[in-house]
Protein backbone atom coordinates (compact mmCIF):
# COMPACT_ATOMS: atom_id res chain seq x y z
CA MET A 1 45.46 -21.00 -22.31
CA MET A 2 44.70 -17.37 -21.73
CA ASP A 3 46.39 -15.65 -23.98
CA THR A 4 44.29 -17.55 -26.74
CA LYS A 5 41.59 -14.42 -27.64
CA ILE A 6 38.26 -16.19 -29.04
CA LEU A 7 35.60 -13.36 -30.53
CA VAL A 8 32.09 -14.71 -30.76
CA VAL A 9 29.73 -12.09 -33.24
CA ASP A 10 26.11 -13.36 -33.00
CA ASP A 11 23.07 -11.25 -32.52
CA ASP A 12 20.90 -13.57 -30.00
CA PRO A 13 22.51 -13.08 -26.44
CA ASN A 14 21.63 -16.25 -25.17
CA ILE A 15 23.75 -17.59 -27.58
CA SER A 16 26.49 -15.22 -27.00
CA ASP A 17 26.32 -15.80 -23.14
CA LEU A 18 25.97 -19.06 -23.10
CA LEU A 19 29.38 -19.57 -25.26
CA LYS A 20 31.39 -17.03 -23.48
CA ILE A 21 30.57 -18.77 -20.14
CA TYR A 22 31.77 -21.77 -21.67
CA PHE A 23 34.91 -20.67 -23.39
CA GLU A 24 36.23 -18.34 -20.19
CA ASN A 25 35.38 -21.62 -17.47
CA GLU A 26 37.94 -23.42 -20.42
CA GLY A 27 40.69 -20.53 -19.65
CA TYR A 28 39.94 -18.64 -22.93
CA ASP A 29 39.83 -14.62 -23.05
CA VAL A 30 36.64 -14.50 -24.77
CA LYS A 31 35.02 -11.04 -26.62
CA THR A 32 31.28 -11.00 -27.82
CA VAL A 33 29.49 -8.56 -30.10
CA ALA A 34 26.68 -8.46 -31.90
CA ASP A 35 26.27 -7.68 -35.36
CA GLY A 36 28.31 -7.57 -38.24
CA VAL A 37 30.07 -4.11 -38.13
CA GLU A 38 30.79 -5.07 -34.88
CA GLY A 39 32.32 -8.36 -35.43
CA VAL A 40 35.18 -6.61 -38.54
CA ASN A 41 35.61 -3.70 -35.90
CA ALA A 42 36.44 -6.10 -32.91
CA PHE A 43 38.33 -8.37 -35.13
CA LYS A 44 40.86 -5.76 -36.62
CA GLN A 45 41.26 -4.00 -32.69
CA TYR A 46 41.52 -7.81 -30.68
CA GLU A 47 43.05 -9.87 -33.11
CA PRO A 48 41.46 -12.95 -32.22
CA ASP A 49 42.83 -16.21 -32.33
CA LEU A 50 39.20 -17.98 -33.33
CA VAL A 51 36.32 -16.32 -34.49
CA LEU A 52 32.50 -18.29 -34.02
CA LEU A 53 30.06 -16.31 -36.36
CA ASP A 54 26.49 -16.55 -36.72
CA LEU A 55 25.96 -15.79 -40.56
CA MET A 56 22.31 -14.65 -40.12
CA LEU A 57 23.33 -10.89 -38.26
CA PRO A 58 22.07 -7.57 -38.89
CA GLY A 59 23.86 -4.32 -40.14
CA ILE A 60 26.05 -7.25 -42.95
CA PRO A 61 25.45 -10.57 -43.32
CA GLY A 62 28.11 -13.54 -41.45
CA GLU A 63 29.51 -14.35 -45.08
CA ALA A 64 29.90 -10.26 -45.92
CA VAL A 65 31.87 -10.34 -42.46
CA LEU A 66 34.13 -13.61 -43.21
CA GLU A 67 35.16 -12.24 -46.79
CA GLU A 68 36.03 -8.63 -44.68
CA ILE A 69 38.07 -10.66 -42.52
CA ARG A 70 39.61 -12.56 -44.46
CA LYS A 71 41.59 -9.81 -46.52
């Protein structure tokens, strides 16, 4: 499972840290970022299998991030 990558895009560090700890304990490779711009860039570089995306983000909103990564 370690080759399965999860990207967490959330501006609340408590949520990001909790998700990272939980999924890493389950054997996933997890990357966290705190805003929409970082989310788009991380998606392009990290190429995750799953994205957990907060809709209310600083920078660009989650809906715009989703639109960009769908391209």
